[in-house]
């Protein structure tokens, strides 16, 4: 799928600099950054959900430990 993204000039220059340093294309650098962003958001959501579940399941124990 082809997607066009308009980047501010400063961000474009930084992206080009990173891509050049890593000897990658700008496209590959963007793909890696987006994949990392999506994975991190997914991980944070999973941690949040698990934390909520533990707090719900162990509310009494957590309350006793807090005293």
PDB file of N, CA and C in Angstrom:
ATOM      1  N   UNK A   1       0.839  -1.164   0.000  1.00  0.00           N
ATOM      2  CA  UNK A   1       0.000   0.000   0.000  1.00  0.00           C
ATOM      3  C   UNK A   1       0.892   1.238   0.000  1.00  0.00           C
ATOM      4  N   UNK A   2       0.544   2.182  -0.792  1.00  0.00           N
ATOM      5  CA  UNK A   2       1.304   3.423  -0.878  1.00  0.00           C
ATOM      6  C   UNK A   2       0.613   4.477  -0.029  1.00  0.00           C
ATOM      7  N   UNK A   3       1.400   5.117   0.833  1.00  0.00           N
ATOM      8  CA  UNK A   3       0.903   6.189   1.682  1.00  0.00           C
ATOM      9  C   UNK A   3       1.868   7.354   1.577  1.00  0.00           C
ATOM     10  N   UNK A   4       1.326   8.532   1.431  1.00  0.00           N
ATOM     11  CA  UNK A   4       2.147   9.733   1.373  1.00  0.00           C
ATOM     12  C   UNK A   4       2.101  10.417   2.727  1.00  0.00           C
ATOM     13  N   UNK A   5       3.260  10.795   3.232  1.00  0.00           N
ATOM     14  CA  UNK A   5       3.347  11.492   4.516  1.00  0.00           C
ATOM     15  C   UNK A   5       4.083  12.802   4.282  1.00  0.00           C
ATOM     16  N   UNK A   6       3.494  13.882   4.741  1.00  0.00           N
ATOM     17  CA  UNK A   6       4.140  15.188   4.632  1.00  0.00           C
ATOM     18  C   UNK A   6       4.882  15.481   5.928  1.00  0.00           C
ATOM     19  N   UNK A   7       6.191  15.608   5.829  1.00  0.00           N
ATOM     20  CA  UNK A   7       7.022  15.877   6.998  1.00  0.00           C
ATOM     21  C   UNK A   7       7.495  17.324   6.969  1.00  0.00           C
ATOM     22  N   UNK A   8       7.541  17.949   8.141  1.00  0.00           N
ATOM     23  CA  UNK A   8       8.170  19.272   8.187  1.00  0.00           C
ATOM     24  C   UNK A   8       9.635  19.140   7.760  1.00  0.00           C
ATOM     25  N   UNK A   9      10.182  20.203   7.206  1.00  0.00           N
ATOM     26  CA  UNK A   9      11.557  20.171   6.695  1.00  0.00           C
ATOM     27  C   UNK A   9      12.561  19.707   7.747  1.00  0.00           C
ATOM     28  N   UNK A  10      12.416  20.192   8.980  1.00  0.00           N
ATOM     29  CA  UNK A  10      13.363  19.813  10.037  1.00  0.00           C
ATOM     30  C   UNK A  10      13.305  18.316  10.325  1.00  0.00           C
ATOM     31  N   UNK A  11      12.099  17.760  10.398  1.00  0.00           N
ATOM     32  CA  UNK A  11      11.953  16.330  10.663  1.00  0.00           C
ATOM     33  C   UNK A  11      12.488  15.518   9.491  1.00  0.00           C
ATOM     34  N   UNK A  12      12.248  15.977   8.281  1.00  0.00           N
ATOM     35  CA  UNK A  12      12.768  15.302   7.093  1.00  0.00           C
ATOM     36  C   UNK A  12      14.293  15.253   7.138  1.00  0.00           C
ATOM     37  N   UNK A  13      14.906  16.368   7.510  1.00  0.00           N
ATOM     38  CA  UNK A  13      16.373  16.422   7.582  1.00  0.00           C
ATOM     39  C   UNK A  13      16.899  15.472   8.658  1.00  0.00           C
ATOM     40  N   UNK A  14      16.235  15.441   9.814  1.00  0.00           N
ATOM     41  CA  UNK A  14      16.654  14.526  10.883  1.00  0.00           C
ATOM     42  C   UNK A  14      16.491  13.072  10.456  1.00  0.00           C
ATOM     43  N   UNK A  15      15.385  12.781   9.796  1.00  0.00           N
ATOM     44  CA  UNK A  15      15.140  11.423   9.311  1.00  0.00           C
ATOM     45  C   UNK A  15      16.214  11.015   8.310  1.00  0.00           C
ATOM     46  N   UNK A  16      16.539  11.903   7.396  1.00  0.00           N
ATOM     47  CA  UNK A  16      17.575  11.604   6.407  1.00  0.00           C
ATOM     48  C   UNK A  16      18.916  11.366   7.092  1.00  0.00           C
ATOM     49  N   UNK A  17      19.221  12.170   8.097  1.00  0.00           N
ATOM     50  CA  UNK A  17      20.479  12.017   8.838  1.00  0.00           C
ATOM     51  C   UNK A  17      20.541  10.651   9.520  1.00  0.00           C
ATOM     52  N   UNK A  18      19.463  10.253  10.185  1.00  0.00           N
ATOM     53  CA  UNK A  18      19.423   8.946  10.860  1.00  0.00           C
ATOM     54  C   UNK A  18      19.545   7.824   9.836  1.00  0.00           C
ATOM     55  N   UNK A  19      18.796   7.927   8.758  1.00  0.00           N
ATOM     56  CA  UNK A  19      18.840   6.891   7.722  1.00  0.00           C
ATOM     57  C   UNK A  19      20.250   6.757   7.145  1.00  0.00           C
ATOM     58  N   UNK A  20      20.883   7.879   6.889  1.00  0.00           N
ATOM     59  CA  UNK A  20      22.254   7.850   6.357  1.00  0.00           C
ATOM     60  C   UNK A  20      23.218   7.209   7.353  1.00  0.00           C
ATOM     61  N   UNK A  21      23.094   7.581   8.632  1.00  0.00           N
ATOM     62  CA  UNK A  21      23.981   7.026   9.657  1.00  0.00           C
ATOM     63  C   UNK A  21      23.811   5.516   9.787  1.00  0.00           C
ATOM     64  N   UNK A  22      22.586   5.050   9.628  1.00  0.00           N
ATOM     65  CA  UNK A  22      22.305   3.617   9.765  1.00  0.00           C
ATOM     66  C   UNK A  22      22.409   2.874   8.440  1.00  0.00           C
ATOM     67  N   UNK A  23      22.788   3.605   7.405  1.00  0.00           N
ATOM     68  CA  UNK A  23      22.908   3.039   6.057  1.00  0.00           C
ATOM     69  C   UNK A  23      21.625   2.319   5.639  1.00  0.00           C
ATOM     70  N   UNK A  24      20.529   3.010   5.847  1.00  0.00           N
ATOM     71  CA  UNK A  24      19.212   2.498   5.449  1.00  0.00           C
ATOM     72  C   UNK A  24      18.528   3.553   4.590  1.00  0.00           C
ATOM     73  N   UNK A  25      17.529   3.101   3.884  1.00  0.00           N
ATOM     74  CA  UNK A  25      16.718   4.066   3.150  1.00  0.00           C
ATOM     75  C   UNK A  25      15.823   4.809   4.141  1.00  0.00           C
ATOM     76  N   UNK A  26      15.343   5.953   3.723  1.00  0.00           N
ATOM     77  CA  UNK A  26      14.414   6.684   4.584  1.00  0.00           C
ATOM     78  C   UNK A  26      13.151   5.854   4.797  1.00  0.00           C
ATOM     79  N   UNK A  27      12.711   5.154   3.776  1.00  0.00           N
ATOM     80  CA  UNK A  27      11.522   4.318   3.898  1.00  0.00           C
ATOM     81  C   UNK A  27      11.722   3.231   4.952  1.00  0.00           C
ATOM     82  N   UNK A  28      12.866   2.555   4.917  1.00  0.00           N
ATOM     83  CA  UNK A  28      13.145   1.502   5.900  1.00  0.00           C
ATOM     84  C   UNK A  28      13.212   2.081   7.310  1.00  0.00           C
ATOM     85  N   UNK A  29      13.784   3.267   7.434  1.00  0.00           N
ATOM     86  CA  UNK A  29      13.885   3.919   8.737  1.00  0.00           C
ATOM     87  C   UNK A  29      12.502   4.278   9.263  1.00  0.00           C
ATOM     88  N   UNK A  30      11.649   4.788   8.400  1.00  0.00           N
ATOM     89  CA  UNK A  30      10.271   5.112   8.796  1.00  0.00           C
ATOM     90  C   UNK A  30       9.532   3.845   9.207  1.00  0.00           C
ATOM     91  N   UNK A  31       9.672   2.778   8.432  1.00  0.00           N
ATOM     92  CA  UNK A  31       8.993   1.518   8.761  1.00  0.00           C
ATOM     93  C   UNK A  31       9.424   1.002  10.129  1.00  0.00           C
ATOM     94  N   UNK A  32      10.717   1.042  10.392  1.00  0.00           N
ATOM     95  CA  UNK A  32      11.216   0.574  11.689  1.00  0.00           C
ATOM     96  C   UNK A  32      10.650   1.424  12.825  1.00  0.00           C
ATOM     97  N   UNK A  33      10.610   2.729  12.626  1.00  0.00           N
ATOM     98  CA  UNK A  33      10.104   3.629  13.666  1.00  0.00           C
ATOM     99  C   UNK A  33       8.617   3.391  13.926  1.00  0.00           C
ATOM    100  N   UNK A  34       7.848   3.209  12.875  1.00  0.00           N
ATOM    101  CA  UNK A  34       6.410   2.968  13.033  1.00  0.00           C
ATOM    102  C   UNK A  34       6.170   1.617  13.692  1.00  0.00           C
ATOM    103  N   UNK A  35       6.905   0.594  13.281  1.00  0.00           N
ATOM    104  CA  UNK A  35       6.759  -0.728  13.905  1.00  0.00           C
ATOM    105  C   UNK A  35       7.078  -0.668  15.393  1.00  0.00           C
ATOM    106  N   UNK A  36       8.141   0.042  15.748  1.00  0.00           N
ATOM    107  CA  UNK A  36       8.517   0.175  17.155  1.00  0.00           C
ATOM    108  C   UNK A  36       7.438   0.929  17.927  1.00  0.00           C
ATOM    109  N   UNK A  37       6.918   1.991  17.352  1.00  0.00           N
ATOM    110  CA  UNK A  37       5.875   2.787  18.001  1.00  0.00           C
ATOM    111  C   UNK A  37       4.628   1.943  18.263  1.00  0.00           C
ATOM    112  N   UNK A  38       4.198   1.202  17.254  1.00  0.00           N
ATOM    113  CA  UNK A  38       3.004   0.363  17.394  1.00  0.00           C
ATOM    114  C   UNK A  38       3.234  -0.731  18.431  1.00  0.00           C
ATOM    115  N   UNK A  39       4.397  -1.352  18.415  1.00  0.00           N
ATOM    116  CA  UNK A  39       4.709  -2.408  19.385  1.00  0.00           C
ATOM    117  C   UNK A  39       4.733  -1.856  20.807  1.00  0.00           C
ATOM    118  N   UNK A  40       5.328  -0.677  20.993  1.00  0.00           N
ATOM    119  CA  UNK A  40       5.391  -0.081  22.331  1.00  0.00           C
ATOM    120  C   UNK A  40       4.004   0.285  22.843  1.00  0.00           C
ATOM    121  N   UNK A  41       3.167   0.827  21.977  1.00  0.00           N
ATOM    122  CA  UNK A  41       1.789   1.165  22.385  1.00  0.00           C
ATOM    123  C   UNK A  41       1.021  -0.092  22.753  1.00  0.00           C
ATOM    124  N   UNK A  42       1.192  -1.135  21.970  1.00  0.00           N
ATOM    125  CA  UNK A  42       0.522  -2.400  22.249  1.00  0.00           C
ATOM    126  C   UNK A  42       0.986  -2.960  23.587  1.00  0.00           C
ATOM    127  N   UNK A  43       2.289  -2.895  23.835  1.00  0.00           N
ATOM    128  CA  UNK A  43       2.845  -3.397  25.092  1.00  0.00           C
ATOM    129  C   UNK A  43       2.301  -2.594  26.272  1.00  0.00           C
ATOM    130  N   UNK A  44       2.288  -1.263  26.142  1.00  0.00           N
ATOM    131  CA  UNK A  44       1.766  -0.422  27.227  1.00  0.00           C
ATOM    132  C   UNK A  44       0.307  -0.743  27.519  1.00  0.00           C
ATOM    133  N   UNK A  45      -0.482  -0.961  26.477  1.00  0.00           N
ATOM    134  CA  UNK A  45      -1.893  -1.295  26.669  1.00  0.00           C
ATOM    135  C   UNK A  45      -2.031  -2.634  27.385  1.00  0.00           C
ATOM    136  N   UNK A  46      -1.211  -3.594  27.016  1.00  0.00           N
ATOM    137  CA  UNK A  46      -1.248  -4.915  27.661  1.00  0.00           C
ATOM    138  C   UNK A  46      -0.860  -4.810  29.133  1.00  0.00           C
ATOM    139  N   UNK A  47       0.185  -4.056  29.436  1.00  0.00           N
ATOM    140  CA  UNK A  47       0.612  -3.866  30.826  1.00  0.00           C
ATOM    141  C   UNK A  47      -0.500  -3.178  31.616  1.00  0.00           C
ATOM    142  N   UNK A  48      -1.107  -2.155  31.035  1.00  0.00           N
ATOM    143  CA  UNK A  48      -2.207  -1.453  31.703  1.00  0.00           C
ATOM    144  C   UNK A  48      -3.360  -2.413  31.994  1.00  0.00           C
ATOM    145  N   UNK A  49      -3.734  -3.226  31.021  1.00  0.00           N
ATOM    146  CA  UNK A  49      -4.829  -4.182  31.207  1.00  0.00           C
ATOM    147  C   UNK A  49      -4.498  -5.203  32.288  1.00  0.00           C
ATOM    148  N   UNK A  50      -3.273  -5.715  32.273  1.00  0.00           N
ATOM    149  CA  UNK A  50      -2.872  -6.701  33.283  1.00  0.00           C
ATOM    150  C   UNK A  50      -2.812  -6.082  34.673  1.00  0.00           C
ATOM    151  N   UNK A  51      -2.328  -4.854  34.762  1.00  0.00           N
ATOM    152  CA  UNK A  51      -2.266  -4.163  36.047  1.00  0.00           C
ATOM    153  C   UNK A  51      -3.669  -3.953  36.606  1.00  0.00           C
ATOM    154  N   UNK A  52      -4.583  -3.560  35.764  1.00  0.00           N
ATOM    155  CA  UNK A  52      -5.976  -3.374  36.182  1.00  0.00           C
ATOM    156  C   UNK A  52      -6.562  -4.687  36.668  1.00  0.00           C
ATOM    157  N   UNK A  53      -6.285  -5.763  35.960  1.00  0.00           N
ATOM    158  CA  UNK A  53      -6.806  -7.080  36.338  1.00  0.00           C
ATOM    159  C   UNK A  53      -6.228  -7.539  37.672  1.00  0.00           C
ATOM    160  N   UNK A  54      -4.934  -7.369  37.870  1.00  0.00           N
ATOM    161  CA  UNK A  54      -4.311  -7.755  39.143  1.00  0.00           C
ATOM    162  C   UNK A  54      -4.898  -6.922  40.278  1.00  0.00           C
ATOM    163  N   UNK A  55      -5.046  -5.630  40.062  1.00  0.00           N
ATOM    164  CA  UNK A  55      -5.613  -4.761  41.097  1.00  0.00           C
ATOM    165  C   UNK A  55      -7.036  -5.193  41.444  1.00  0.00           C
ATOM    166  N   UNK A  56      -7.796  -5.605  40.447  1.00  0.00           N
ATOM    167  CA  UNK A  56      -9.165  -6.057  40.687  1.00  0.00           C
ATOM    168  C   UNK A  56      -9.175  -7.383  41.441  1.00  0.00           C
ATOM    169  N   UNK A  57      -8.366  -8.322  40.989  1.00  0.00           N
ATOM    170  CA  UNK A  57      -8.363  -9.658  41.587  1.00  0.00           C
ATOM    171  C   UNK A  57      -7.771  -9.665  42.994  1.00  0.00           C
ATOM    172  N   UNK A  58      -6.792  -8.828  43.232  1.00  0.00           N
ATOM    173  CA  UNK A  58      -6.074  -8.854  44.505  1.00  0.00           C
ATOM    174  C   UNK A  58      -6.293  -7.588  45.325  1.00  0.00           C
ATOM    175  N   UNK A  59      -7.437  -6.961  45.174  1.00  0.00           N
ATOM    176  CA  UNK A  59      -7.711  -5.699  45.861  1.00  0.00           C
ATOM    177  C   UNK A  59      -7.580  -5.846  47.374  1.00  0.00           C
ATOM    178  N   UNK A  60      -8.114  -6.921  47.921  1.00  0.00           N
ATOM    179  CA  UNK A  60      -8.062  -7.116  49.369  1.00  0.00           C
ATOM    180  C   UNK A  60      -6.613  -7.267  49.845  1.00  0.00           C
ATOM    181  N   UNK A  61      -5.846  -8.086  49.169  1.00  0.00           N
ATOM    182  CA  UNK A  61      -4.445  -8.282  49.535  1.00  0.00           C
ATOM    183  C   UNK A  61      -3.659  -6.977  49.414  1.00  0.00           C
ATOM    184  N   UNK A  62      -3.853  -6.257  48.337  1.00  0.00           N
ATOM    185  CA  UNK A  62      -3.148  -4.992  48.145  1.00  0.00           C
ATOM    186  C   UNK A  62      -3.522  -3.987  49.233  1.00  0.00           C
ATOM    187  N   UNK A  63      -4.773  -4.006  49.643  1.00  0.00           N
ATOM    188  CA  UNK A  63      -5.216  -3.118  50.717  1.00  0.00           C
ATOM    189  C   UNK A  63      -4.506  -3.466  52.025  1.00  0.00           C
ATOM    190  N   UNK A  64      -4.411  -4.755  52.330  1.00  0.00           N
ATOM    191  CA  UNK A  64      -3.724  -5.178  53.560  1.00  0.00           C
ATOM    192  C   UNK A  64      -2.241  -4.825  53.513  1.00  0.00           C
ATOM    193  N   UNK A  65      -1.612  -5.001  52.376  1.00  0.00           N
ATOM    194  CA  UNK A  65      -0.189  -4.689  52.238  1.00  0.00           C
ATOM    195  C   UNK A  65       0.077  -3.185  52.373  1.00  0.00           C
ATOM    196  N   UNK A  66      -0.891  -2.379  52.012  1.00  0.00           N
ATOM    197  CA  UNK A  66      -0.722  -0.930  52.062  1.00  0.00           C
ATOM    198  C   UNK A  66      -0.785  -0.388  53.489  1.00  0.00           C
ATOM    199  N   UNK A  67      -1.275  -1.183  54.414  1.00  0.00           N
ATOM    200  CA  UNK A  67      -1.405  -0.721  55.815  1.00  0.00           C
ATOM    201  C   UNK A  67      -0.107  -0.767  56.546  1.00  0.00           C
TER     202      UNK A  67
END
